[in-house]
Amino acid sequence: ALTLVNIWFGTVAGTEYSLVITWSSLIVSIGSLITTNFTPQIYLYRAKEDPKSMIRFSATAMRITGYGVALVLGLVCVFSAQLFTVWVGAEYAKLYPLVWFVVIPSYFTILASIGAIVYTSYYKEHRNKFEVKHYLSHQFEVQ
């Protein structure tokens, strides 16, 4: 996206966009760090064949992550003009509306990653069964 902004709108707009996208990347990285800590426990519940506990834990993990990231995201969005003033100077404080549009979708990306962990834990087991069945069906095909 940054390359397209540079090409279409010029280097000044590209620089401004890169400053905003830095905050989005930071929030996604923090959210990924948090959700990665929940992965082993979700896999453990899956290995124990305990879907009720896995769903309960995943829902709790999603709430914890959602509230924590929402707090950080809200602070970044509300105080973005002041953050830009302190970070790169007052001439970039005008970018605060762009922060709202770029940073808020990262919240949903982070929450979806927890659901992806649950999906992955189920998919790994069924994928192996499918691959073996698919391999065997091609090995014994009569031509």
C-alpha atoms as a PDB file:
ATOM      1  CA  ALA A   1       0.000   0.000   0.000  1.00  0.00           C
ATOM      2  CA  LEU A   2       2.855   2.370   0.797  1.00  0.00           C
ATOM      3  CA  THR A   3       4.335   1.893  -2.667  1.00  0.00           C
ATOM      4  CA  LEU A   4       1.008   2.742  -4.287  1.00  0.00           C
ATOM      5  CA  VAL A   5       0.650   5.871  -2.162  1.00  0.00           C
ATOM      6  CA  ASN A   6       4.155   6.925  -3.233  1.00  0.00           C
ATOM      7  CA  ILE A   7       3.392   6.337  -6.903  1.00  0.00           C
ATOM      8  CA  TRP A   8      -0.079   7.897  -6.977  1.00  0.00           C
ATOM      9  CA  PHE A   9       0.268  10.798  -4.543  1.00  0.00           C
ATOM     10  CA  GLY A  10       3.994  11.484  -4.343  1.00  0.00           C
ATOM     11  CA  THR A  11       6.725  11.132  -1.772  1.00  0.00           C
ATOM     12  CA  VAL A  12       5.292  13.648   0.695  1.00  0.00           C
ATOM     13  CA  ALA A  13       2.044  11.701   0.937  1.00  0.00           C
ATOM     14  CA  GLY A  14       4.053   8.476   1.131  1.00  0.00           C
ATOM     15  CA  THR A  15       6.025   9.842   4.065  1.00  0.00           C
ATOM     16  CA  GLU A  16       2.859  10.920   5.845  1.00  0.00           C
ATOM     17  CA  TYR A  17       1.220   7.560   5.229  1.00  0.00           C
ATOM     18  CA  SER A  18       4.295   5.700   6.478  1.00  0.00           C
ATOM     19  CA  LEU A  19       4.141   7.612   9.748  1.00  0.00           C
ATOM     20  CA  VAL A  20       0.536   6.536  10.244  1.00  0.00           C
ATOM     21  CA  ILE A  21       1.059   2.931   9.154  1.00  0.00           C
ATOM     22  CA  THR A  22       3.861   2.629  11.717  1.00  0.00           C
ATOM     23  CA  TRP A  23       1.294   2.927  14.515  1.00  0.00           C
ATOM     24  CA  SER A  24      -0.930   0.315  12.899  1.00  0.00           C
ATOM     25  CA  SER A  25       2.010  -2.076  12.572  1.00  0.00           C
ATOM     26  CA  LEU A  26       2.968  -1.487  16.189  1.00  0.00           C
ATOM     27  CA  ILE A  27      -0.537  -2.262  17.439  1.00  0.00           C
ATOM     28  CA  VAL A  28      -0.804  -5.412  15.311  1.00  0.00           C
ATOM     29  CA  SER A  29       2.590  -6.562  16.597  1.00  0.00           C
ATOM     30  CA  ILE A  30       1.545  -6.037  20.201  1.00  0.00           C
ATOM     31  CA  GLY A  31      -1.728  -7.854  19.579  1.00  0.00           C
ATOM     32  CA  SER A  32       0.068 -10.739  17.900  1.00  0.00           C
ATOM     33  CA  LEU A  33       2.435 -10.980  20.831  1.00  0.00           C
ATOM     34  CA  ILE A  34      -0.528 -11.247  23.201  1.00  0.00           C
ATOM     35  CA  THR A  35      -2.477 -13.786  21.133  1.00  0.00           C
ATOM     36  CA  THR A  36       0.598 -15.960  20.627  1.00  0.00           C
ATOM     37  CA  ASN A  37       0.684 -16.520  24.369  1.00  0.00           C
ATOM     38  CA  PHE A  38      -2.763 -18.144  24.223  1.00  0.00           C
ATOM     39  CA  THR A  39      -1.911 -20.607  21.448  1.00  0.00           C
ATOM     40  CA  PRO A  40      -0.313 -23.403  23.529  1.00  0.00           C
ATOM     41  CA  GLN A  41      -3.275 -23.555  25.898  1.00  0.00           C
ATOM     42  CA  ILE A  42      -5.759 -23.737  23.013  1.00  0.00           C
ATOM     43  CA  TYR A  43      -3.737 -26.545  21.424  1.00  0.00           C
ATOM     44  CA  LEU A  44      -3.608 -28.331  24.791  1.00  0.00           C
ATOM     45  CA  TYR A  45      -7.402 -28.278  25.087  1.00  0.00           C
ATOM     46  CA  ARG A  46      -7.649 -29.545  21.521  1.00  0.00           C
ATOM     47  CA  ALA A  47      -5.217 -32.381  22.217  1.00  0.00           C
ATOM     48  CA  LYS A  48      -7.235 -33.374  25.294  1.00  0.00           C
ATOM     49  CA  GLU A  49     -10.414 -33.394  23.172  1.00  0.00           C
ATOM     50  CA  ASP A  50     -12.020 -30.847  25.511  1.00  0.00           C
ATOM     51  CA  PRO A  51     -13.920 -28.484  23.203  1.00  0.00           C
ATOM     52  CA  LYS A  52     -15.958 -26.840  25.973  1.00  0.00           C
ATOM     53  CA  SER A  53     -12.844 -25.721  27.837  1.00  0.00           C
ATOM     54  CA  MET A  54     -11.213 -24.666  24.577  1.00  0.00           C
ATOM     55  CA  ILE A  55     -14.207 -22.518  23.635  1.00  0.00           C
ATOM     56  CA  ARG A  56     -14.398 -21.016  27.122  1.00  0.00           C
ATOM     57  CA  PHE A  57     -10.664 -20.267  27.138  1.00  0.00           C
ATOM     58  CA  SER A  58     -10.754 -18.858  23.593  1.00  0.00           C
ATOM     59  CA  ALA A  59     -13.657 -16.579  24.470  1.00  0.00           C
ATOM     60  CA  THR A  60     -11.824 -15.360  27.570  1.00  0.00           C
ATOM     61  CA  ALA A  61      -8.637 -14.853  25.560  1.00  0.00           C
ATOM     62  CA  MET A  62     -10.586 -12.886  22.971  1.00  0.00           C
ATOM     63  CA  ARG A  63     -12.100 -10.671  25.663  1.00  0.00           C
ATOM     64  CA  ILE A  64      -8.756 -10.021  27.350  1.00  0.00           C
ATOM     65  CA  THR A  65      -7.082  -9.262  24.049  1.00  0.00           C
ATOM     66  CA  GLY A  66     -10.005  -7.164  22.868  1.00  0.00           C
ATOM     67  CA  TYR A  67     -10.106  -4.994  25.977  1.00  0.00           C
ATOM     68  CA  GLY A  68      -6.337  -4.586  26.158  1.00  0.00           C
ATOM     69  CA  VAL A  69      -5.888  -3.739  22.502  1.00  0.00           C
ATOM     70  CA  ALA A  70      -8.966  -1.488  22.510  1.00  0.00           C
ATOM     71  CA  LEU A  71      -7.433   0.513  25.340  1.00  0.00           C
ATOM     72  CA  VAL A  72      -4.129   0.958  23.490  1.00  0.00           C
ATOM     73  CA  LEU A  73      -5.896   1.644  20.204  1.00  0.00           C
ATOM     74  CA  GLY A  74      -8.194   4.206  21.799  1.00  0.00           C
ATOM     75  CA  LEU A  75      -5.301   6.029  23.414  1.00  0.00           C
ATOM     76  CA  VAL A  76      -3.357   6.101  20.156  1.00  0.00           C
ATOM     77  CA  CYS A  77      -6.369   7.383  18.202  1.00  0.00           C
ATOM     78  CA  VAL A  78      -7.468   9.993  20.740  1.00  0.00           C
ATOM     79  CA  PHE A  79      -3.996  11.350  21.377  1.00  0.00           C
ATOM     80  CA  SER A  80      -2.615  10.882  17.855  1.00  0.00           C
ATOM     81  CA  ALA A  81      -2.183  14.627  17.258  1.00  0.00           C
ATOM     82  CA  GLN A  82      -0.126  14.933  20.426  1.00  0.00           C
ATOM     83  CA  LEU A  83       1.834  11.762  19.608  1.00  0.00           C
ATOM     84  CA  PHE A  84       2.762  13.118  16.187  1.00  0.00           C
ATOM     85  CA  THR A  85       3.720  16.481  17.681  1.00  0.00           C
ATOM     86  CA  VAL A  86       6.079  14.868  20.190  1.00  0.00           C
ATOM     87  CA  TRP A  87       7.358  12.197  17.807  1.00  0.00           C
ATOM     88  CA  VAL A  88       7.962  14.001  14.483  1.00  0.00           C
ATOM     89  CA  GLY A  89       6.838  17.587  14.975  1.00  0.00           C
ATOM     90  CA  ALA A  90       3.761  19.773  14.911  1.00  0.00           C
ATOM     91  CA  GLU A  91       3.593  19.882  11.092  1.00  0.00           C
ATOM     92  CA  TYR A  92       2.498  16.208  11.091  1.00  0.00           C
ATOM     93  CA  ALA A  93      -0.225  16.593  13.739  1.00  0.00           C
ATOM     94  CA  LYS A  94      -2.677  17.179  10.882  1.00  0.00           C
ATOM     95  CA  LEU A  95      -2.569  13.429  10.157  1.00  0.00           C
ATOM     96  CA  TYR A  96      -4.688  12.510  13.161  1.00  0.00           C
ATOM     97  CA  PRO A  97      -7.869  11.738  11.130  1.00  0.00           C
ATOM     98  CA  LEU A  98      -5.919   9.292   8.969  1.00  0.00           C
ATOM     99  CA  VAL A  99      -4.835   7.419  12.097  1.00  0.00           C
ATOM    100  CA  TRP A 100      -8.459   6.560  12.851  1.00  0.00           C
ATOM    101  CA  PHE A 101      -8.994   5.033   9.400  1.00  0.00           C
ATOM    102  CA  VAL A 102      -5.739   3.099   9.311  1.00  0.00           C
ATOM    103  CA  VAL A 103      -5.444   1.897  12.905  1.00  0.00           C
ATOM    104  CA  ILE A 104      -9.015   0.823  13.767  1.00  0.00           C
ATOM    105  CA  PRO A 105      -9.172  -2.101  11.271  1.00  0.00           C
ATOM    106  CA  SER A 106      -6.113  -3.610  12.954  1.00  0.00           C
ATOM    107  CA  TYR A 107      -8.323  -4.286  15.993  1.00  0.00           C
ATOM    108  CA  PHE A 108     -10.412  -6.750  14.002  1.00  0.00           C
ATOM    109  CA  THR A 109      -7.315  -8.369  12.534  1.00  0.00           C
ATOM    110  CA  ILE A 110      -6.007  -9.085  16.008  1.00  0.00           C
ATOM    111  CA  LEU A 111      -9.290 -10.550  17.271  1.00  0.00           C
ATOM    112  CA  ALA A 112      -9.636 -12.716  14.173  1.00  0.00           C
ATOM    113  CA  SER A 113      -6.220 -14.213  14.861  1.00  0.00           C
ATOM    114  CA  ILE A 114      -7.561 -15.943  17.980  1.00  0.00           C
ATOM    115  CA  GLY A 115     -10.302 -17.561  15.939  1.00  0.00           C
ATOM    116  CA  ALA A 116      -7.659 -18.589  13.438  1.00  0.00           C
ATOM    117  CA  ILE A 117      -5.774 -20.436  16.174  1.00  0.00           C
ATOM    118  CA  VAL A 118      -8.860 -22.517  16.978  1.00  0.00           C
ATOM    119  CA  TYR A 119      -9.487 -23.163  13.287  1.00  0.00           C
ATOM    120  CA  THR A 120      -5.879 -24.195  12.768  1.00  0.00           C
ATOM    121  CA  SER A 121      -5.970 -26.652  15.649  1.00  0.00           C
ATOM    122  CA  TYR A 122      -8.931 -28.428  14.050  1.00  0.00           C
ATOM    123  CA  TYR A 123      -7.619 -28.143  10.504  1.00  0.00           C
ATOM    124  CA  LYS A 124      -4.273 -29.795  11.270  1.00  0.00           C
ATOM    125  CA  GLU A 125      -5.929 -33.027  12.351  1.00  0.00           C
ATOM    126  CA  HIS A 126      -8.366 -33.215   9.455  1.00  0.00           C
ATOM    127  CA  ARG A 127      -5.825 -32.066   6.869  1.00  0.00           C
ATOM    128  CA  ASN A 128      -3.579 -35.036   7.553  1.00  0.00           C
ATOM    129  CA  LYS A 129      -6.479 -37.474   7.117  1.00  0.00           C
ATOM    130  CA  PHE A 130      -7.464 -35.785   3.862  1.00  0.00           C
ATOM    131  CA  GLU A 131      -3.909 -35.786   2.481  1.00  0.00           C
ATOM    132  CA  VAL A 132      -3.448 -39.501   3.170  1.00  0.00           C
ATOM    133  CA  LYS A 133      -6.816 -40.343   1.605  1.00  0.00           C
ATOM    134  CA  HIS A 134      -6.061 -38.096  -1.400  1.00  0.00           C
ATOM    135  CA  TYR A 135      -2.583 -39.647  -1.853  1.00  0.00           C
ATOM    136  CA  LEU A 136      -3.919 -43.193  -1.671  1.00  0.00           C
ATOM    137  CA  SER A 137      -6.727 -42.478  -4.121  1.00  0.00           C
ATOM    138  CA  HIS A 138      -4.189 -41.255  -6.706  1.00  0.00           C
ATOM    139  CA  GLN A 139      -1.832 -44.172  -6.137  1.00  0.00           C
ATOM    140  CA  PHE A 140      -4.456 -46.788  -6.896  1.00  0.00           C
ATOM    141  CA  GLU A 141      -6.156 -45.089  -9.823  1.00  0.00           C
ATOM    142  CA  VAL A 142      -6.644 -47.320 -12.823  1.00  0.00           C
ATOM    143  CA  GLN A 143      -5.901 -45.673 -16.106  1.00  0.00           C
END
